[in-house]
């Protein structure tokens, strides 16, 4: 599972910086166990592919398969992603 993300480690950036419409893969969750458990329960775990559906005023709406999730800027900064 890690082999695809290790090569892209240098190009990882916060989800908050992703452009609207971009497809990204979650590379790392930067935060405590509580944040990691919360995001994982929502389906946002390392290796997941998501699409940034809306990026407006620091808030994001992301799509993970058929699920739409709204994230605040603080949480989006703690999710490191790589371009797909």
PDB file of N, CA and C in Angstrom:
ATOM      1  N   UNK A   1       0.820  -1.187   0.000  1.00  0.00           N
ATOM      2  CA  UNK A   1       0.000   0.000   0.000  1.00  0.00           C
ATOM      3  C   UNK A   1       0.860   1.246   0.000  1.00  0.00           C
ATOM      4  N   UNK A   2       1.993   1.258   0.652  1.00  0.00           N
ATOM      5  CA  UNK A   2       2.844   2.416   0.724  1.00  0.00           C
ATOM      6  C   UNK A   2       3.670   2.655  -0.521  1.00  0.00           C
ATOM      7  N   UNK A   3       3.902   1.642  -1.333  1.00  0.00           N
ATOM      8  CA  UNK A   3       4.820   1.766  -2.449  1.00  0.00           C
ATOM      9  C   UNK A   3       4.415   2.860  -3.424  1.00  0.00           C
ATOM     10  N   UNK A   4       3.132   3.108  -3.615  1.00  0.00           N
ATOM     11  CA  UNK A   4       2.693   4.142  -4.529  1.00  0.00           C
ATOM     12  C   UNK A   4       2.833   5.538  -3.975  1.00  0.00           C
ATOM     13  N   UNK A   5       2.842   5.680  -2.661  1.00  0.00           N
ATOM     14  CA  UNK A   5       2.896   7.020  -2.093  1.00  0.00           C
ATOM     15  C   UNK A   5       4.299   7.444  -1.726  1.00  0.00           C
ATOM     16  N   UNK A   6       5.228   6.521  -1.486  1.00  0.00           N
ATOM     17  CA  UNK A   6       6.578   6.884  -1.077  1.00  0.00           C
ATOM     18  C   UNK A   6       7.294   7.694  -2.142  1.00  0.00           C
ATOM     19  N   UNK A   7       7.124   7.343  -3.394  1.00  0.00           N
ATOM     20  CA  UNK A   7       7.810   8.039  -4.469  1.00  0.00           C
ATOM     21  C   UNK A   7       7.354   9.484  -4.587  1.00  0.00           C
ATOM     22  N   UNK A   8       6.162   9.790  -4.125  1.00  0.00           N
ATOM     23  CA  UNK A   8       5.607  11.125  -4.253  1.00  0.00           C
ATOM     24  C   UNK A   8       5.740  11.954  -2.990  1.00  0.00           C
ATOM     25  N   UNK A   9       6.478  11.457  -2.006  1.00  0.00           N
ATOM     26  CA  UNK A   9       6.552  12.126  -0.709  1.00  0.00           C
ATOM     27  C   UNK A   9       7.026  13.566  -0.825  1.00  0.00           C
ATOM     28  N   UNK A  10       7.957  13.839  -1.730  1.00  0.00           N
ATOM     29  CA  UNK A  10       8.475  15.193  -1.872  1.00  0.00           C
ATOM     30  C   UNK A  10       7.464  16.168  -2.433  1.00  0.00           C
ATOM     31  N   UNK A  11       6.453  15.684  -3.133  1.00  0.00           N
ATOM     32  CA  UNK A  11       5.481  16.570  -3.755  1.00  0.00           C
ATOM     33  C   UNK A  11       4.172  16.659  -2.974  1.00  0.00           C
ATOM     34  N   UNK A  12       4.140  16.112  -1.758  1.00  0.00           N
ATOM     35  CA  UNK A  12       2.921  16.166  -0.947  1.00  0.00           C
ATOM     36  C   UNK A  12       2.674  17.605  -0.489  1.00  0.00           C
ATOM     37  N   UNK A  13       1.401  17.985  -0.457  1.00  0.00           N
ATOM     38  CA  UNK A  13       1.002  19.329  -0.044  1.00  0.00           C
ATOM     39  C   UNK A  13      -0.328  19.243   0.684  1.00  0.00           C
ATOM     40  N   UNK A  14      -0.680  20.270   1.465  1.00  0.00           N
ATOM     41  CA  UNK A  14      -1.952  20.237   2.197  1.00  0.00           C
ATOM     42  C   UNK A  14      -3.152  20.243   1.247  1.00  0.00           C
ATOM     43  N   UNK A  15      -4.155  19.484   1.592  1.00  0.00           N
ATOM     44  CA  UNK A  15      -5.387  19.449   0.801  1.00  0.00           C
ATOM     45  C   UNK A  15      -5.960  20.851   0.616  1.00  0.00           C
ATOM     46  N   UNK A  16      -5.766  21.724   1.578  1.00  0.00           N
ATOM     47  CA  UNK A  16      -6.278  23.094   1.500  1.00  0.00           C
ATOM     48  C   UNK A  16      -5.715  23.851   0.300  1.00  0.00           C
ATOM     49  N   UNK A  17      -4.602  23.390  -0.254  1.00  0.00           N
ATOM     50  CA  UNK A  17      -3.982  24.062  -1.395  1.00  0.00           C
ATOM     51  C   UNK A  17      -4.392  23.457  -2.735  1.00  0.00           C
ATOM     52  N   UNK A  18      -5.183  22.400  -2.705  1.00  0.00           N
ATOM     53  CA  UNK A  18      -5.597  21.734  -3.946  1.00  0.00           C
ATOM     54  C   UNK A  18      -6.600  22.603  -4.706  1.00  0.00           C
ATOM     55  N   UNK A  19      -6.502  22.552  -6.007  1.00  0.00           N
ATOM     56  CA  UNK A  19      -7.414  23.308  -6.868  1.00  0.00           C
ATOM     57  C   UNK A  19      -8.765  22.607  -6.978  1.00  0.00           C
ATOM     58  N   UNK A  20      -9.788  23.389  -7.165  1.00  0.00           N
ATOM     59  CA  UNK A  20     -11.120  22.834  -7.393  1.00  0.00           C
ATOM     60  C   UNK A  20     -11.080  21.976  -8.659  1.00  0.00           C
ATOM     61  N   UNK A  21     -11.652  20.794  -8.577  1.00  0.00           N
ATOM     62  CA  UNK A  21     -11.674  19.871  -9.702  1.00  0.00           C
ATOM     63  C   UNK A  21     -10.500  18.910  -9.753  1.00  0.00           C
ATOM     64  N   UNK A  22      -9.513  19.095  -8.880  1.00  0.00           N
ATOM     65  CA  UNK A  22      -8.342  18.217  -8.925  1.00  0.00           C
ATOM     66  C   UNK A  22      -8.613  16.886  -8.225  1.00  0.00           C
ATOM     67  N   UNK A  23      -7.956  15.863  -8.748  1.00  0.00           N
ATOM     68  CA  UNK A  23      -8.036  14.510  -8.181  1.00  0.00           C
ATOM     69  C   UNK A  23      -6.725  14.269  -7.449  1.00  0.00           C
ATOM     70  N   UNK A  24      -6.824  13.930  -6.179  1.00  0.00           N
ATOM     71  CA  UNK A  24      -5.629  13.742  -5.352  1.00  0.00           C
ATOM     72  C   UNK A  24      -5.737  12.440  -4.564  1.00  0.00           C
ATOM     73  N   UNK A  25      -4.591  11.983  -4.067  1.00  0.00           N
ATOM     74  CA  UNK A  25      -4.532  10.795  -3.212  1.00  0.00           C
ATOM     75  C   UNK A  25      -4.003  11.236  -1.857  1.00  0.00           C
ATOM     76  N   UNK A  26      -4.643  10.768  -0.789  1.00  0.00           N
ATOM     77  CA  UNK A  26      -4.205  11.122   0.556  1.00  0.00           C
ATOM     78  C   UNK A  26      -2.882  10.430   0.838  1.00  0.00           C
ATOM     79  N   UNK A  27      -1.874  11.221   1.182  1.00  0.00           N
ATOM     80  CA  UNK A  27      -0.530  10.713   1.433  1.00  0.00           C
ATOM     81  C   UNK A  27      -0.264  10.533   2.921  1.00  0.00           C
ATOM     82  N   UNK A  28      -0.724  11.486   3.741  1.00  0.00           N
ATOM     83  CA  UNK A  28      -0.437  11.441   5.170  1.00  0.00           C
ATOM     84  C   UNK A  28      -1.450  12.295   5.923  1.00  0.00           C
ATOM     85  N   UNK A  29      -1.795  11.860   7.131  1.00  0.00           N
ATOM     86  CA  UNK A  29      -2.655  12.633   8.020  1.00  0.00           C
ATOM     87  C   UNK A  29      -1.762  13.187   9.123  1.00  0.00           C
ATOM     88  N   UNK A  30      -1.728  14.507   9.242  1.00  0.00           N
ATOM     89  CA  UNK A  30      -0.854  15.167  10.204  1.00  0.00           C
ATOM     90  C   UNK A  30      -1.706  15.650  11.367  1.00  0.00           C
ATOM     91  N   UNK A  31      -1.686  14.917  12.456  1.00  0.00           N
ATOM     92  CA  UNK A  31      -2.487  15.268  13.620  1.00  0.00           C
ATOM     93  C   UNK A  31      -2.460  14.116  14.603  1.00  0.00           C
ATOM     94  N   UNK A  32      -3.207  14.240  15.632  1.00  0.00           N
ATOM     95  CA  UNK A  32      -3.255  13.207  16.655  1.00  0.00           C
ATOM     96  C   UNK A  32      -4.101  12.018  16.244  1.00  0.00           C
ATOM     97  N   UNK A  33      -4.136  11.043  17.148  1.00  0.00           N
ATOM     98  CA  UNK A  33      -4.923   9.833  16.906  1.00  0.00           C
ATOM     99  C   UNK A  33      -6.402  10.149  16.736  1.00  0.00           C
ATOM    100  N   UNK A  34      -6.890  11.133  17.482  1.00  0.00           N
ATOM    101  CA  UNK A  34      -8.299  11.504  17.384  1.00  0.00           C
ATOM    102  C   UNK A  34      -8.669  11.963  15.984  1.00  0.00           C
ATOM    103  N   UNK A  35      -7.829  12.820  15.408  1.00  0.00           N
ATOM    104  CA  UNK A  35      -8.077  13.292  14.049  1.00  0.00           C
ATOM    105  C   UNK A  35      -8.007  12.141  13.060  1.00  0.00           C
ATOM    106  N   UNK A  36      -6.988  11.301  13.221  1.00  0.00           N
ATOM    107  CA  UNK A  36      -6.829  10.166  12.320  1.00  0.00           C
ATOM    108  C   UNK A  36      -8.042   9.240  12.378  1.00  0.00           C
ATOM    109  N   UNK A  37      -8.523   8.956  13.574  1.00  0.00           N
ATOM    110  CA  UNK A  37      -9.699   8.087  13.721  1.00  0.00           C
ATOM    111  C   UNK A  37     -10.936   8.734  13.111  1.00  0.00           C
ATOM    112  N   UNK A  38     -11.096  10.030  13.329  1.00  0.00           N
ATOM    113  CA  UNK A  38     -12.270  10.731  12.783  1.00  0.00           C
ATOM    114  C   UNK A  38     -12.260  10.710  11.257  1.00  0.00           C
ATOM    115  N   UNK A  39     -11.117  11.038  10.661  1.00  0.00           N
ATOM    116  CA  UNK A  39     -11.031  11.052   9.204  1.00  0.00           C
ATOM    117  C   UNK A  39     -11.189   9.652   8.617  1.00  0.00           C
ATOM    118  N   UNK A  40     -10.582   8.670   9.258  1.00  0.00           N
ATOM    119  CA  UNK A  40     -10.694   7.295   8.781  1.00  0.00           C
ATOM    120  C   UNK A  40     -12.141   6.812   8.828  1.00  0.00           C
ATOM    121  N   UNK A  41     -12.866   7.194   9.875  1.00  0.00           N
ATOM    122  CA  UNK A  41     -14.268   6.792   9.969  1.00  0.00           C
ATOM    123  C   UNK A  41     -15.112   7.421   8.862  1.00  0.00           C
ATOM    124  N   UNK A  42     -14.652   8.540   8.320  1.00  0.00           N
ATOM    125  CA  UNK A  42     -15.342   9.198   7.211  1.00  0.00           C
ATOM    126  C   UNK A  42     -14.911   8.638   5.856  1.00  0.00           C
ATOM    127  N   UNK A  43     -13.914   7.728   5.869  1.00  0.00           N
ATOM    128  CA  UNK A  43     -13.422   7.154   4.624  1.00  0.00           C
ATOM    129  C   UNK A  43     -12.230   7.896   4.054  1.00  0.00           C
ATOM    130  N   UNK A  44     -11.690   8.842   4.797  1.00  0.00           N
ATOM    131  CA  UNK A  44     -10.526   9.597   4.340  1.00  0.00           C
ATOM    132  C   UNK A  44      -9.279   9.040   5.005  1.00  0.00           C
ATOM    133  N   UNK A  45      -8.776   7.936   4.465  1.00  0.00           N
ATOM    134  CA  UNK A  45      -7.588   7.312   5.021  1.00  0.00           C
ATOM    135  C   UNK A  45      -6.451   7.378   4.005  1.00  0.00           C
ATOM    136  N   UNK A  46      -5.248   7.129   4.469  1.00  0.00           N
ATOM    137  CA  UNK A  46      -4.072   7.174   3.608  1.00  0.00           C
ATOM    138  C   UNK A  46      -4.273   6.220   2.430  1.00  0.00           C
ATOM    139  N   UNK A  47      -4.029   6.728   1.240  1.00  0.00           N
ATOM    140  CA  UNK A  47      -4.197   5.937   0.025  1.00  0.00           C
ATOM    141  C   UNK A  47      -5.508   6.197  -0.696  1.00  0.00           C
ATOM    142  N   UNK A  48      -6.455   6.838  -0.033  1.00  0.00           N
ATOM    143  CA  UNK A  48      -7.756   7.120  -0.647  1.00  0.00           C
ATOM    144  C   UNK A  48      -7.623   8.193  -1.725  1.00  0.00           C
ATOM    145  N   UNK A  49      -8.348   8.001  -2.812  1.00  0.00           N
ATOM    146  CA  UNK A  49      -8.414   9.022  -3.851  1.00  0.00           C
ATOM    147  C   UNK A  49      -9.656   9.862  -3.624  1.00  0.00           C
ATOM    148  N   UNK A  50      -9.474  11.180  -3.709  1.00  0.00           N
ATOM    149  CA  UNK A  50     -10.604  12.098  -3.552  1.00  0.00           C
ATOM    150  C   UNK A  50     -10.549  13.149  -4.651  1.00  0.00           C
ATOM    151  N   UNK A  51     -11.685  13.780  -4.888  1.00  0.00           N
ATOM    152  CA  UNK A  51     -11.789  14.865  -5.857  1.00  0.00           C
ATOM    153  C   UNK A  51     -12.261  16.103  -5.103  1.00  0.00           C
ATOM    154  N   UNK A  52     -11.597  17.224  -5.353  1.00  0.00           N
ATOM    155  CA  UNK A  52     -12.006  18.484  -4.730  1.00  0.00           C
ATOM    156  C   UNK A  52     -13.159  19.031  -5.563  1.00  0.00           C
ATOM    157  N   UNK A  53     -14.357  18.949  -5.025  1.00  0.00           N
ATOM    158  CA  UNK A  53     -15.552  19.368  -5.730  1.00  0.00           C
ATOM    159  C   UNK A  53     -15.768  20.879  -5.634  1.00  0.00           C
ATOM    160  N   UNK A  54     -15.488  21.433  -4.462  1.00  0.00           N
ATOM    161  CA  UNK A  54     -15.683  22.870  -4.231  1.00  0.00           C
ATOM    162  C   UNK A  54     -14.594  23.360  -3.303  1.00  0.00           C
ATOM    163  N   UNK A  55     -14.002  24.487  -3.650  1.00  0.00           N
ATOM    164  CA  UNK A  55     -12.969  25.096  -2.808  1.00  0.00           C
ATOM    165  C   UNK A  55     -13.282  26.584  -2.751  1.00  0.00           C
ATOM    166  N   UNK A  56     -13.854  26.989  -1.632  1.00  0.00           N
ATOM    167  CA  UNK A  56     -14.344  28.361  -1.543  1.00  0.00           C
ATOM    168  C   UNK A  56     -14.086  28.925  -0.151  1.00  0.00           C
ATOM    169  N   UNK A  57     -13.345  29.997  -0.077  1.00  0.00           N
ATOM    170  CA  UNK A  57     -13.101  30.664   1.191  1.00  0.00           C
ATOM    171  C   UNK A  57     -12.442  29.798   2.241  1.00  0.00           C
ATOM    172  N   UNK A  58     -11.551  28.909   1.835  1.00  0.00           N
ATOM    173  CA  UNK A  58     -10.867  28.039   2.786  1.00  0.00           C
ATOM    174  C   UNK A  58     -11.626  26.767   3.104  1.00  0.00           C
ATOM    175  N   UNK A  59     -12.890  26.706   2.771  1.00  0.00           N
ATOM    176  CA  UNK A  59     -13.696  25.502   3.003  1.00  0.00           C
ATOM    177  C   UNK A  59     -13.693  24.656   1.743  1.00  0.00           C
ATOM    178  N   UNK A  60     -13.723  23.346   1.959  1.00  0.00           N
ATOM    179  CA  UNK A  60     -13.701  22.431   0.826  1.00  0.00           C
ATOM    180  C   UNK A  60     -14.831  21.426   0.910  1.00  0.00           C
ATOM    181  N   UNK A  61     -15.287  21.004  -0.253  1.00  0.00           N
ATOM    182  CA  UNK A  61     -16.175  19.845  -0.360  1.00  0.00           C
ATOM    183  C   UNK A  61     -15.412  18.856  -1.221  1.00  0.00           C
ATOM    184  N   UNK A  62     -15.216  17.653  -0.685  1.00  0.00           N
ATOM    185  CA  UNK A  62     -14.491  16.617  -1.415  1.00  0.00           C
ATOM    186  C   UNK A  62     -15.401  15.437  -1.668  1.00  0.00           C
ATOM    187  N   UNK A  63     -15.111  14.728  -2.743  1.00  0.00           N
ATOM    188  CA  UNK A  63     -15.864  13.529  -3.099  1.00  0.00           C
ATOM    189  C   UNK A  63     -14.956  12.325  -2.926  1.00  0.00           C
ATOM    190  N   UNK A  64     -15.464  11.326  -2.237  1.00  0.00           N
ATOM    191  CA  UNK A  64     -14.780  10.029  -2.077  1.00  0.00           C
ATOM    192  C   UNK A  64     -15.772   8.995  -2.546  1.00  0.00           C
ATOM    193  N   UNK A  65     -15.574   8.506  -3.760  1.00  0.00           N
ATOM    194  CA  UNK A  65     -16.529   7.623  -4.422  1.00  0.00           C
ATOM    195  C   UNK A  65     -17.881   8.347  -4.479  1.00  0.00           C
ATOM    196  N   UNK A  66     -18.916   7.827  -3.840  1.00  0.00           N
ATOM    197  CA  UNK A  66     -20.242   8.445  -3.886  1.00  0.00           C
ATOM    198  C   UNK A  66     -20.527   9.342  -2.684  1.00  0.00           C
ATOM    199  N   UNK A  67     -19.535   9.546  -1.837  1.00  0.00           N
ATOM    200  CA  UNK A  67     -19.730  10.324  -0.610  1.00  0.00           C
ATOM    201  C   UNK A  67     -19.180  11.731  -0.772  1.00  0.00           C
ATOM    202  N   UNK A  68     -19.945  12.714  -0.345  1.00  0.00           N
ATOM    203  CA  UNK A  68     -19.544  14.115  -0.380  1.00  0.00           C
ATOM    204  C   UNK A  68     -19.293  14.566   1.058  1.00  0.00           C
ATOM    205  N   UNK A  69     -18.109  15.143   1.306  1.00  0.00           N
ATOM    206  CA  UNK A  69     -17.740  15.574   2.649  1.00  0.00           C
ATOM    207  C   UNK A  69     -17.304  17.033   2.645  1.00  0.00           C
ATOM    208  N   UNK A  70     -17.774  17.790   3.631  1.00  0.00           N
ATOM    209  CA  UNK A  70     -17.361  19.180   3.791  1.00  0.00           C
ATOM    210  C   UNK A  70     -16.268  19.236   4.850  1.00  0.00           C
ATOM    211  N   UNK A  71     -15.198  19.962   4.554  1.00  0.00           N
ATOM    212  CA  UNK A  71     -14.073  20.101   5.469  1.00  0.00           C
ATOM    213  C   UNK A  71     -13.747  21.571   5.675  1.00  0.00           C
ATOM    214  N   UNK A  72     -13.404  21.919   6.893  1.00  0.00           N
ATOM    215  CA  UNK A  72     -12.949  23.268   7.184  1.00  0.00           C
ATOM    216  C   UNK A  72     -11.488  23.420   6.817  1.00  0.00           C
ATOM    217  N   UNK A  73     -11.026  24.652   6.789  1.00  0.00           N
ATOM    218  CA  UNK A  73      -9.644  24.930   6.402  1.00  0.00           C
ATOM    219  C   UNK A  73      -8.645  24.278   7.346  1.00  0.00           C
ATOM    220  N   UNK A  74      -8.908  24.294   8.642  1.00  0.00           N
ATOM    221  CA  UNK A  74      -7.980  23.713   9.608  1.00  0.00           C
ATOM    222  C   UNK A  74      -7.762  22.241   9.375  1.00  0.00           C
ATOM    223  N   UNK A  75      -8.843  21.510   9.149  1.00  0.00           N
ATOM    224  CA  UNK A  75      -8.722  20.077   8.906  1.00  0.00           C
ATOM    225  C   UNK A  75      -8.067  19.817   7.552  1.00  0.00           C
ATOM    226  N   UNK A  76      -8.397  20.621   6.553  1.00  0.00           N
ATOM    227  CA  UNK A  76      -7.827  20.437   5.213  1.00  0.00           C
ATOM    228  C   UNK A  76      -6.317  20.655   5.206  1.00  0.00           C
ATOM    229  N   UNK A  77      -5.803  21.481   6.113  1.00  0.00           N
ATOM    230  CA  UNK A  77      -4.358  21.697   6.206  1.00  0.00           C
ATOM    231  C   UNK A  77      -3.638  20.499   6.817  1.00  0.00           C
ATOM    232  N   UNK A  78      -4.354  19.644   7.520  1.00  0.00           N
ATOM    233  CA  UNK A  78      -3.753  18.484   8.190  1.00  0.00           C
ATOM    234  C   UNK A  78      -3.790  17.230   7.342  1.00  0.00           C
ATOM    235  N   UNK A  79      -4.343  17.326   6.161  1.00  0.00           N
ATOM    236  CA  UNK A  79      -4.407  16.203   5.229  1.00  0.00           C
ATOM    237  C   UNK A  79      -3.430  16.481   4.099  1.00  0.00           C
ATOM    238  N   UNK A  80      -2.332  15.731   4.043  1.00  0.00           N
ATOM    239  CA  UNK A  80      -1.347  15.913   2.978  1.00  0.00           C
ATOM    240  C   UNK A  80      -1.718  15.005   1.808  1.00  0.00           C
ATOM    241  N   UNK A  81      -1.672  15.560   0.604  1.00  0.00           N
ATOM    242  CA  UNK A  81      -2.094  14.842  -0.595  1.00  0.00           C
ATOM    243  C   UNK A  81      -1.031  14.953  -1.678  1.00  0.00           C
ATOM    244  N   UNK A  82      -1.157  14.101  -2.669  1.00  0.00           N
ATOM    245  CA  UNK A  82      -0.336  14.173  -3.889  1.00  0.00           C
ATOM    246  C   UNK A  82      -1.284  14.175  -5.077  1.00  0.00           C
ATOM    247  N   UNK A  83      -0.869  14.838  -6.160  1.00  0.00           N
ATOM    248  CA  UNK A  83      -1.679  14.882  -7.374  1.00  0.00           C
ATOM    249  C   UNK A  83      -1.774  13.486  -7.983  1.00  0.00           C
ATOM    250  N   UNK A  84      -2.886  13.191  -8.612  1.00  0.00           N
ATOM    251  CA  UNK A  84      -3.076  11.908  -9.295  1.00  0.00           C
ATOM    252  C   UNK A  84      -2.892  12.124 -10.757  1.00  0.00           C
TER     253      UNK A  84
END
